[in-house]
N, C-alpha and C. Protein backbone atom coordinates (compact mmCIF):
# COMPACT_ATOMS: atom_id res chain seq x y z
N MET A 1 61.34 -57.57 -25.43
CA MET A 1 62.27 -57.07 -23.72
C MET A 1 62.36 -55.28 -24.49
N SER A 2 62.87 -54.26 -23.11
CA SER A 2 61.74 -52.78 -22.82
C SER A 2 63.53 -51.86 -23.05
N ASP A 3 63.54 -50.90 -23.48
CA ASP A 3 64.70 -50.40 -23.16
C ASP A 3 65.35 -50.11 -22.50
N ARG A 4 64.88 -50.08 -21.13
CA ARG A 4 65.64 -50.62 -19.53
C ARG A 4 66.02 -51.42 -18.94
N ALA A 5 65.72 -52.87 -20.08
CA ALA A 5 66.11 -54.42 -19.91
C ALA A 5 67.32 -54.22 -19.70
N THR A 6 67.91 -52.80 -18.75
CA THR A 6 69.67 -53.28 -18.71
C THR A 6 69.90 -54.71 -17.78
N ALA A 7 71.31 -54.94 -17.99
CA ALA A 7 71.95 -56.02 -17.50
C ALA A 7 72.16 -55.10 -15.49
N PHE A 8 72.75 -54.20 -15.76
CA PHE A 8 72.47 -53.22 -14.70
C PHE A 8 70.99 -53.75 -13.69
N ASP A 9 69.81 -52.80 -15.28
CA ASP A 9 69.14 -52.23 -14.11
C ASP A 9 68.27 -53.77 -13.70
N ARG A 10 68.87 -54.90 -14.27
CA ARG A 10 67.91 -56.13 -14.39
C ARG A 10 67.98 -56.49 -12.99
N MET A 11 69.39 -56.23 -12.24
CA MET A 11 70.63 -56.83 -11.14
C MET A 11 69.59 -55.54 -9.55
N MET A 12 69.63 -54.25 -10.32
CA MET A 12 69.15 -53.36 -9.41
C MET A 12 67.85 -53.80 -8.96
N ASN A 13 66.68 -54.39 -9.74
CA ASN A 13 65.39 -54.88 -9.42
C ASN A 13 64.58 -55.97 -10.02
N PRO A 14 65.40 -56.67 -10.04
CA PRO A 14 64.70 -58.25 -10.26
C PRO A 14 63.31 -58.36 -9.84
N TRP A 15 63.14 -58.02 -8.94
CA TRP A 15 60.72 -57.81 -9.40
C TRP A 15 60.49 -57.34 -10.09
N ALA A 16 61.49 -56.88 -11.47
CA ALA A 16 60.80 -56.50 -12.35
C ALA A 16 61.20 -57.38 -13.55
N TYR A 17 61.16 -57.77 -13.27
CA TYR A 17 61.96 -59.40 -15.15
C TYR A 17 61.93 -60.12 -14.25
N ASP A 18 60.67 -60.88 -15.76
CA ASP A 18 60.62 -62.55 -15.46
C ASP A 18 61.44 -63.84 -15.48
N ALA A 19 61.76 -64.26 -15.80
CA ALA A 19 62.08 -65.50 -15.88
C ALA A 19 63.35 -65.32 -16.99
N ASP A 20 62.39 -65.58 -18.95
CA ASP A 20 63.11 -64.94 -20.21
C ASP A 20 63.42 -63.46 -20.00
N GLY A 21 63.68 -62.41 -18.82
CA GLY A 21 64.79 -61.37 -18.80
C GLY A 21 63.52 -60.54 -19.27
N ASN A 22 62.52 -60.42 -19.32
CA ASN A 22 60.89 -59.60 -20.31
C ASN A 22 61.06 -59.33 -18.67
N LEU A 23 60.00 -57.62 -19.27
CA LEU A 23 59.83 -56.77 -17.46
C LEU A 23 58.04 -57.52 -17.42
N THR A 24 58.10 -57.96 -16.18
CA THR A 24 56.71 -57.92 -16.34
C THR A 24 55.76 -57.90 -16.07
N ALA A 25 54.24 -57.65 -15.98
CA ALA A 25 53.39 -56.72 -16.56
C ALA A 25 52.49 -55.64 -15.50
N GLN A 26 53.28 -56.09 -14.25
CA GLN A 26 53.08 -55.23 -13.24
C GLN A 26 54.70 -54.06 -12.63
N ALA A 27 56.02 -54.17 -13.68
CA ALA A 27 57.15 -53.68 -14.02
C ALA A 27 56.77 -52.71 -14.96
N ARG A 28 55.67 -53.35 -16.04
CA ARG A 28 55.30 -52.57 -17.35
C ARG A 28 54.20 -51.57 -17.11
N ALA A 29 53.67 -51.34 -16.05
CA ALA A 29 52.19 -50.68 -15.59
C ALA A 29 53.62 -49.82 -15.34
N ARG A 30 54.47 -49.05 -14.23
CA ARG A 30 55.03 -49.25 -12.95
C ARG A 30 55.41 -48.03 -14.30
N GLU A 31 56.58 -48.48 -15.83
CA GLU A 31 57.10 -48.11 -16.21
C GLU A 31 55.81 -46.33 -16.75
N ALA A 32 54.79 -47.04 -17.45
CA ALA A 32 54.39 -46.53 -18.37
C ALA A 32 53.12 -45.41 -17.14
N ALA A 33 53.36 -46.06 -16.25
CA ALA A 33 52.79 -44.41 -15.09
C ALA A 33 53.74 -43.78 -15.62
N ARG A 34 55.11 -44.06 -15.56
CA ARG A 34 56.68 -42.64 -14.82
C ARG A 34 56.09 -42.60 -16.04
N THR A 35 55.83 -43.31 -17.59
CA THR A 35 56.51 -42.50 -18.80
C THR A 35 54.67 -40.74 -18.36
N GLN A 36 53.88 -41.96 -18.33
CA GLN A 36 53.04 -40.60 -18.13
C GLN A 36 53.38 -39.35 -17.16
N ILE A 37 53.72 -39.55 -16.55
CA ILE A 37 53.92 -38.42 -15.46
C ILE A 37 55.34 -37.61 -16.12
N ASN A 38 55.78 -38.11 -16.56
CA ASN A 38 57.06 -37.26 -17.66
C ASN A 38 57.29 -36.77 -19.00
N SER A 39 55.99 -36.86 -19.59
CA SER A 39 55.37 -36.45 -20.44
C SER A 39 54.51 -36.47 -20.94
N THR A 40 53.81 -34.77 -21.43
CA THR A 40 53.10 -33.68 -21.12
C THR A 40 52.53 -34.13 -22.56
N SER A 41 53.15 -34.45 -23.50
CA SER A 41 52.07 -34.62 -24.53
C SER A 41 52.13 -36.70 -24.71
N ALA A 42 52.12 -37.45 -23.53
CA ALA A 42 51.10 -38.81 -23.73
C ALA A 42 50.23 -38.81 -23.40
N SER A 43 49.31 -39.68 -23.00
CA SER A 43 47.72 -40.27 -22.11
C SER A 43 47.94 -38.87 -21.71
N GLY A 44 46.72 -39.04 -21.25
CA GLY A 44 45.95 -38.46 -20.32
C GLY A 44 47.30 -37.05 -19.76
N GLY A 45 48.35 -36.99 -20.42
CA GLY A 45 49.93 -35.75 -20.61
C GLY A 45 48.96 -34.62 -20.43
N GLY A 46 49.77 -33.38 -21.07
CA GLY A 46 49.14 -32.12 -21.38
C GLY A 46 48.84 -32.08 -22.97
N GLY A 47 49.83 -32.40 -24.03
CA GLY A 47 49.70 -32.43 -25.58
C GLY A 47 49.14 -31.33 -25.43
N GLY A 48 49.25 -30.87 -27.50
CA GLY A 48 48.51 -29.56 -27.57
C GLY A 48 48.50 -27.92 -26.27
N GLY A 49 49.94 -27.92 -25.92
CA GLY A 49 50.51 -27.37 -25.24
C GLY A 49 50.04 -26.64 -24.45
N GLY A 50 48.37 -27.25 -23.62
CA GLY A 50 47.71 -27.22 -21.97
C GLY A 50 49.42 -28.48 -21.41
N PHE A 51 47.39 -28.42 -20.07
CA PHE A 51 48.93 -29.03 -18.69
C PHE A 51 47.13 -29.87 -18.33
N ASN A 52 48.09 -31.82 -18.41
CA ASN A 52 46.72 -32.07 -17.69
C ASN A 52 47.08 -32.57 -16.57
N ALA A 53 46.86 -32.56 -15.10
CA ALA A 53 47.64 -33.45 -14.43
C ALA A 53 46.23 -34.52 -13.98
N ASP A 54 46.80 -35.67 -14.08
CA ASP A 54 46.48 -37.08 -13.60
C ASP A 54 46.91 -37.56 -12.17
N PRO A 55 45.15 -37.16 -11.20
CA PRO A 55 45.42 -37.25 -9.57
C PRO A 55 46.09 -39.13 -9.26
N ASN A 56 45.39 -39.90 -10.44
CA ASN A 56 45.70 -40.96 -9.94
C ASN A 56 46.35 -41.61 -10.26
N ALA A 57 47.57 -41.29 -11.23
CA ALA A 57 48.75 -41.20 -12.06
C ALA A 57 50.17 -40.24 -10.44
N LEU A 58 49.13 -39.55 -9.50
CA LEU A 58 50.40 -39.38 -9.37
C LEU A 58 50.03 -39.58 -7.86
N THR A 59 49.13 -40.95 -7.37
CA THR A 59 48.93 -41.82 -6.22
C THR A 59 49.96 -43.23 -6.96
N THR A 60 49.35 -43.12 -8.22
CA THR A 60 49.99 -43.81 -7.91
C THR A 60 51.52 -44.24 -7.92
N ALA A 61 51.95 -43.10 -8.41
CA ALA A 61 53.51 -43.00 -8.03
C ALA A 61 53.80 -42.90 -6.91
N GLY A 62 53.40 -42.85 -6.03
CA GLY A 62 53.41 -41.74 -4.65
C GLY A 62 53.25 -43.64 -4.35
N ASN A 63 52.26 -44.40 -4.25
CA ASN A 63 51.99 -45.38 -3.82
C ASN A 63 53.22 -46.60 -4.06
N ASN A 64 53.98 -46.25 -5.34
CA ASN A 64 55.45 -46.65 -6.24
C ASN A 64 56.33 -46.27 -5.66
N SER A 65 56.43 -45.31 -5.48
CA SER A 65 58.11 -44.24 -4.71
C SER A 65 57.20 -44.70 -2.80
N ASP A 66 56.66 -45.62 -2.37
CA ASP A 66 56.72 -46.17 -0.52
C ASP A 66 56.92 -46.71 -0.94
N GLN A 67 56.22 -48.37 -2.00
CA GLN A 67 57.31 -49.38 -2.14
C GLN A 67 58.41 -50.04 -2.42
N ILE A 68 59.46 -48.73 -2.38
CA ILE A 68 60.29 -48.64 -2.93
C ILE A 68 61.30 -47.95 -1.96
N HIS A 69 60.61 -47.21 -0.90
CA HIS A 69 60.83 -46.80 0.17
C HIS A 69 60.76 -48.09 1.31
N VAL A 70 60.05 -48.59 1.38
CA VAL A 70 59.96 -49.61 2.05
C VAL A 70 60.99 -51.33 2.32
N ARG A 71 61.68 -51.26 0.90
CA ARG A 71 62.13 -51.77 0.27
C ARG A 71 63.73 -52.00 0.70
N LEU A 72 64.08 -50.42 0.44
CA LEU A 72 65.25 -49.71 0.11
C LEU A 72 65.71 -50.71 2.16
N ASN A 73 64.85 -49.99 2.77
CA ASN A 73 65.27 -50.15 4.59
C ASN A 73 65.41 -51.38 4.74
N THR A 74 64.48 -52.67 4.20
CA THR A 74 64.75 -54.00 4.75
C THR A 74 66.06 -54.18 3.32
N ASP A 75 65.78 -54.24 2.08
CA ASP A 75 67.48 -54.46 1.09
C ASP A 75 68.87 -54.47 0.86
N GLY A 76 68.26 -52.55 1.38
CA GLY A 76 69.20 -52.13 2.00
C GLY A 76 69.78 -52.20 2.38
N ARG A 77 69.62 -52.62 3.66
CA ARG A 77 70.56 -53.50 4.69
C ARG A 77 70.61 -54.90 5.03
N GLY A 78 70.47 -55.58 3.67
CA GLY A 78 70.69 -56.74 3.53
C GLY A 78 72.00 -57.15 3.84
N ALA A 79 73.17 -56.35 3.35
CA ALA A 79 74.37 -57.03 4.09
C ALA A 79 75.20 -56.77 5.69
N ASP A 80 74.32 -55.69 6.14
CA ASP A 80 74.59 -55.47 7.63
C ASP A 80 74.99 -56.39 7.90
N GLU A 81 75.36 -57.02 8.16
CA GLU A 81 74.62 -59.13 9.62
C GLU A 81 76.48 -58.97 8.98
N ALA A 82 76.55 -60.13 7.50
CA ALA A 82 77.99 -60.45 6.69
C ALA A 82 78.79 -59.56 7.02
N THR A 83 78.57 -57.89 6.82
CA THR A 83 79.77 -56.95 6.76
C THR A 83 80.00 -56.84 8.97
N ALA A 84 78.69 -57.12 9.79
CA ALA A 84 79.94 -56.81 11.24
C ALA A 84 80.55 -58.33 10.79
N LYS A 85 80.20 -59.27 11.26
CA LYS A 85 80.35 -60.42 10.91
C LYS A 85 82.52 -60.20 10.55
N VAL A 86 82.25 -59.61 9.03
CA VAL A 86 83.78 -59.59 9.09
C VAL A 86 84.79 -58.95 9.11
N SER A 87 83.64 -58.06 10.26
CA SER A 87 84.58 -56.10 10.65
C SER A 87 84.57 -56.83 11.77
N THR A 88 83.74 -58.25 12.10
CA THR A 88 84.85 -58.37 14.04
C THR A 88 85.47 -59.36 13.78
N ALA A 89 85.11 -60.16 12.93
CA ALA A 89 86.29 -61.35 12.83
C ALA A 89 87.52 -60.70 12.29
N LEU A 90 87.92 -59.21 11.25
CA LEU A 90 88.83 -58.89 11.23
C LEU A 90 89.54 -57.91 11.64
N ALA A 91 88.63 -57.66 12.88
CA ALA A 91 89.18 -56.37 13.28
C ALA A 91 89.90 -56.07 13.04
N ASN A 92 91.43 -56.88 13.97
CA ASN A 92 92.70 -56.22 13.73
C ASN A 92 93.42 -56.22 12.99
N TRP A 93 92.69 -56.32 11.48
CA TRP A 93 93.33 -56.26 10.68
C TRP A 93 92.38 -54.83 9.58
N SER A 94 92.77 -54.67 8.86
CA SER A 94 93.25 -53.09 8.11
C SER A 94 91.94 -53.78 7.18
N THR A 95 91.48 -54.94 7.25
CA THR A 95 89.81 -55.11 5.80
C THR A 95 89.09 -54.80 7.00
N GLY A 96 89.19 -55.69 8.18
CA GLY A 96 87.87 -54.90 9.22
C GLY A 96 87.62 -53.30 8.91
N LYS A 97 88.54 -53.36 9.80
CA LYS A 97 88.74 -52.08 10.02
C LYS A 97 86.93 -50.97 8.62
N ALA A 98 88.04 -50.94 7.42
CA ALA A 98 87.63 -51.27 5.90
C ALA A 98 85.83 -51.35 5.83
N ALA A 99 85.60 -52.35 6.26
CA ALA A 99 84.19 -52.79 5.87
C ALA A 99 83.97 -52.18 6.94
N ALA A 100 84.54 -52.26 7.89
CA ALA A 100 83.12 -51.51 9.20
C ALA A 100 83.26 -50.00 8.99
N GLY A 101 83.85 -49.29 8.29
CA GLY A 101 83.58 -47.60 7.96
C GLY A 101 82.84 -47.89 6.51
N ALA A 102 83.05 -48.85 5.67
CA ALA A 102 82.52 -48.79 4.69
C ALA A 102 81.08 -49.06 4.80
N ALA A 103 80.13 -49.95 5.78
CA ALA A 103 79.51 -50.64 6.59
C ALA A 103 78.39 -48.59 6.90
N GLY A 104 79.60 -48.34 7.85
CA GLY A 104 78.92 -47.26 8.84
C GLY A 104 78.17 -46.63 7.08
N THR A 105 79.37 -45.98 6.00
CA THR A 105 79.00 -44.99 5.49
C THR A 105 78.15 -45.28 4.37
N TRP A 106 77.63 -46.58 4.62
CA TRP A 106 77.05 -47.18 3.35
C TRP A 106 75.40 -46.81 4.32
N ASP A 107 75.31 -47.55 5.08
CA ASP A 107 73.64 -46.79 6.50
C ASP A 107 73.53 -45.08 5.91
N GLN A 108 74.52 -44.90 6.09
CA GLN A 108 74.08 -43.22 6.45
C GLN A 108 73.57 -43.04 4.76
N CYS A 109 74.13 -43.34 3.74
CA CYS A 109 73.78 -43.13 1.84
C CYS A 109 72.19 -43.89 2.23
N VAL A 110 72.05 -45.00 2.99
CA VAL A 110 71.15 -45.39 1.92
C VAL A 110 69.54 -44.74 2.91
N ALA A 111 69.92 -44.44 5.13
CA ALA A 111 69.12 -43.35 5.26
C ALA A 111 69.41 -42.08 4.41
N ALA A 112 70.42 -41.33 3.89
CA ALA A 112 69.55 -40.01 3.24
C ALA A 112 68.65 -40.09 1.88
N LEU A 113 68.91 -40.97 1.19
CA LEU A 113 68.07 -41.78 0.12
C LEU A 113 67.27 -41.92 0.83
N GLY A 114 66.86 -42.86 1.34
CA GLY A 114 65.61 -43.21 2.38
C GLY A 114 64.37 -42.10 2.63
N GLY A 115 65.39 -40.70 3.19
CA GLY A 115 65.11 -39.28 3.29
C GLY A 115 64.41 -39.02 2.16
N THR A 116 64.66 -39.06 0.95
CA THR A 116 64.54 -38.11 0.21
C THR A 116 63.51 -39.05 -0.28
N ILE A 117 63.20 -40.47 -0.83
CA ILE A 117 62.19 -41.53 -0.72
C ILE A 117 61.18 -40.62 0.02
N GLY A 118 61.47 -40.93 0.94
CA GLY A 118 60.11 -40.56 1.63
C GLY A 118 59.15 -38.92 1.31
N GLN A 119 59.99 -37.92 1.20
CA GLN A 119 58.96 -37.55 1.17
C GLN A 119 58.83 -36.88 -1.11
N THR A 120 59.47 -37.42 -0.99
CA THR A 120 59.28 -37.95 -2.82
C THR A 120 57.60 -37.99 -2.35
N THR A 121 57.79 -39.61 -2.03
CA THR A 121 55.97 -40.23 -1.55
C THR A 121 54.43 -39.36 -1.25
N GLN A 122 55.40 -38.62 0.11
CA GLN A 122 54.65 -37.57 0.58
C GLN A 122 54.34 -36.63 0.11
N ALA A 123 54.72 -36.27 -1.22
CA ALA A 123 54.70 -34.71 -2.19
C ALA A 123 54.07 -35.33 -3.18
N LEU A 124 54.33 -37.11 -3.41
CA LEU A 124 53.12 -36.57 -4.75
C LEU A 124 51.67 -37.47 -4.09
N ARG A 125 51.59 -37.76 -3.36
CA ARG A 125 50.39 -37.54 -2.44
C ARG A 125 49.79 -36.88 -1.56
N ALA A 126 50.27 -35.46 -1.52
CA ALA A 126 49.51 -34.21 -1.08
C ALA A 126 49.59 -33.46 -2.97
N THR A 127 49.98 -33.39 -3.38
CA THR A 127 49.84 -32.97 -4.43
C THR A 127 48.39 -33.41 -5.59
N ALA A 128 48.65 -34.92 -5.41
CA ALA A 128 47.28 -36.25 -5.81
C ALA A 128 46.41 -35.28 -5.54
N THR A 129 46.04 -35.52 -3.76
CA THR A 129 45.06 -34.56 -3.41
C THR A 129 44.38 -33.61 -3.27
N ASN A 130 45.96 -32.62 -3.63
CA ASN A 130 44.95 -31.00 -4.19
C ASN A 130 44.55 -30.66 -5.09
N TYR A 131 45.43 -32.02 -6.16
CA TYR A 131 44.10 -31.10 -7.35
C TYR A 131 43.34 -32.19 -7.77
N ARG A 132 42.60 -33.16 -6.69
CA ARG A 132 41.52 -33.32 -6.07
C ARG A 132 41.20 -31.82 -5.79
N GLN A 133 40.93 -32.30 -5.08
CA GLN A 133 40.09 -30.53 -4.11
C GLN A 133 40.17 -29.23 -4.91
N ASN A 134 40.93 -29.20 -5.54
CA ASN A 134 40.65 -28.01 -6.68
C ASN A 134 40.06 -27.86 -7.67
N GLU A 135 39.94 -29.83 -8.14
CA GLU A 135 39.27 -30.02 -9.64
C GLU A 135 37.39 -29.46 -8.26
N SER A 136 37.29 -30.50 -6.88
CA SER A 136 35.81 -30.26 -6.61
C SER A 136 35.93 -29.33 -7.21
N ALA A 137 37.09 -27.90 -6.11
CA ALA A 137 36.20 -26.75 -5.44
C ALA A 137 35.66 -26.15 -7.12
N VAL A 138 36.85 -26.34 -8.04
CA VAL A 138 35.96 -26.03 -9.15
C VAL A 138 34.88 -26.02 -9.70
N GLN A 139 34.74 -27.01 -9.81
CA GLN A 139 33.20 -26.99 -10.32
C GLN A 139 32.39 -27.69 -9.33
N HIS A 140 32.69 -27.43 -8.42
CA HIS A 140 31.28 -26.84 -6.88
C HIS A 140 31.56 -25.37 -7.44
N ASP A 141 32.10 -24.56 -7.55
CA ASP A 141 31.98 -22.96 -8.13
C ASP A 141 30.86 -23.05 -9.25
N LEU A 142 31.31 -23.68 -10.63
CA LEU A 142 30.61 -23.36 -11.91
C LEU A 142 29.61 -23.59 -11.93
N GLY A 143 28.97 -25.03 -10.36
CA GLY A 143 27.60 -25.35 -10.44
C GLY A 143 28.18 -26.03 -10.85
N ALA A 144 28.41 -27.52 -11.21
CA ALA A 144 28.24 -28.50 -12.30
C ALA A 144 28.29 -29.66 -11.19
């Protein structure tokens, strides 16, 4: 089991674990891409004091970020209907008003997080494209 396999992580990312609590192959691949991006000493990372960018890893990270964004907009609103029922059924009680307030705050947080994840997705993709274009331009200029 991975170091990341905590009870909280399994609860927040059930898609990443099999029935035995082990990371799925897809989750291990994402973990490897994340580690590579975060580590200059990783294979394909800079190592040796230099710097090396892997546009494919950036593209993979952007795609993963986009999937998180899509899931956030669906899974992040999973309790809306039930919360609306509670707040309507208990409208004359402080519990109903609190449920409505909590739902509003939750929706604001989901929207803010969604905006940040969307910006991150676009930045990762744009950076990958920029690296590819710059590498192509350098190769062209060097006559390679």
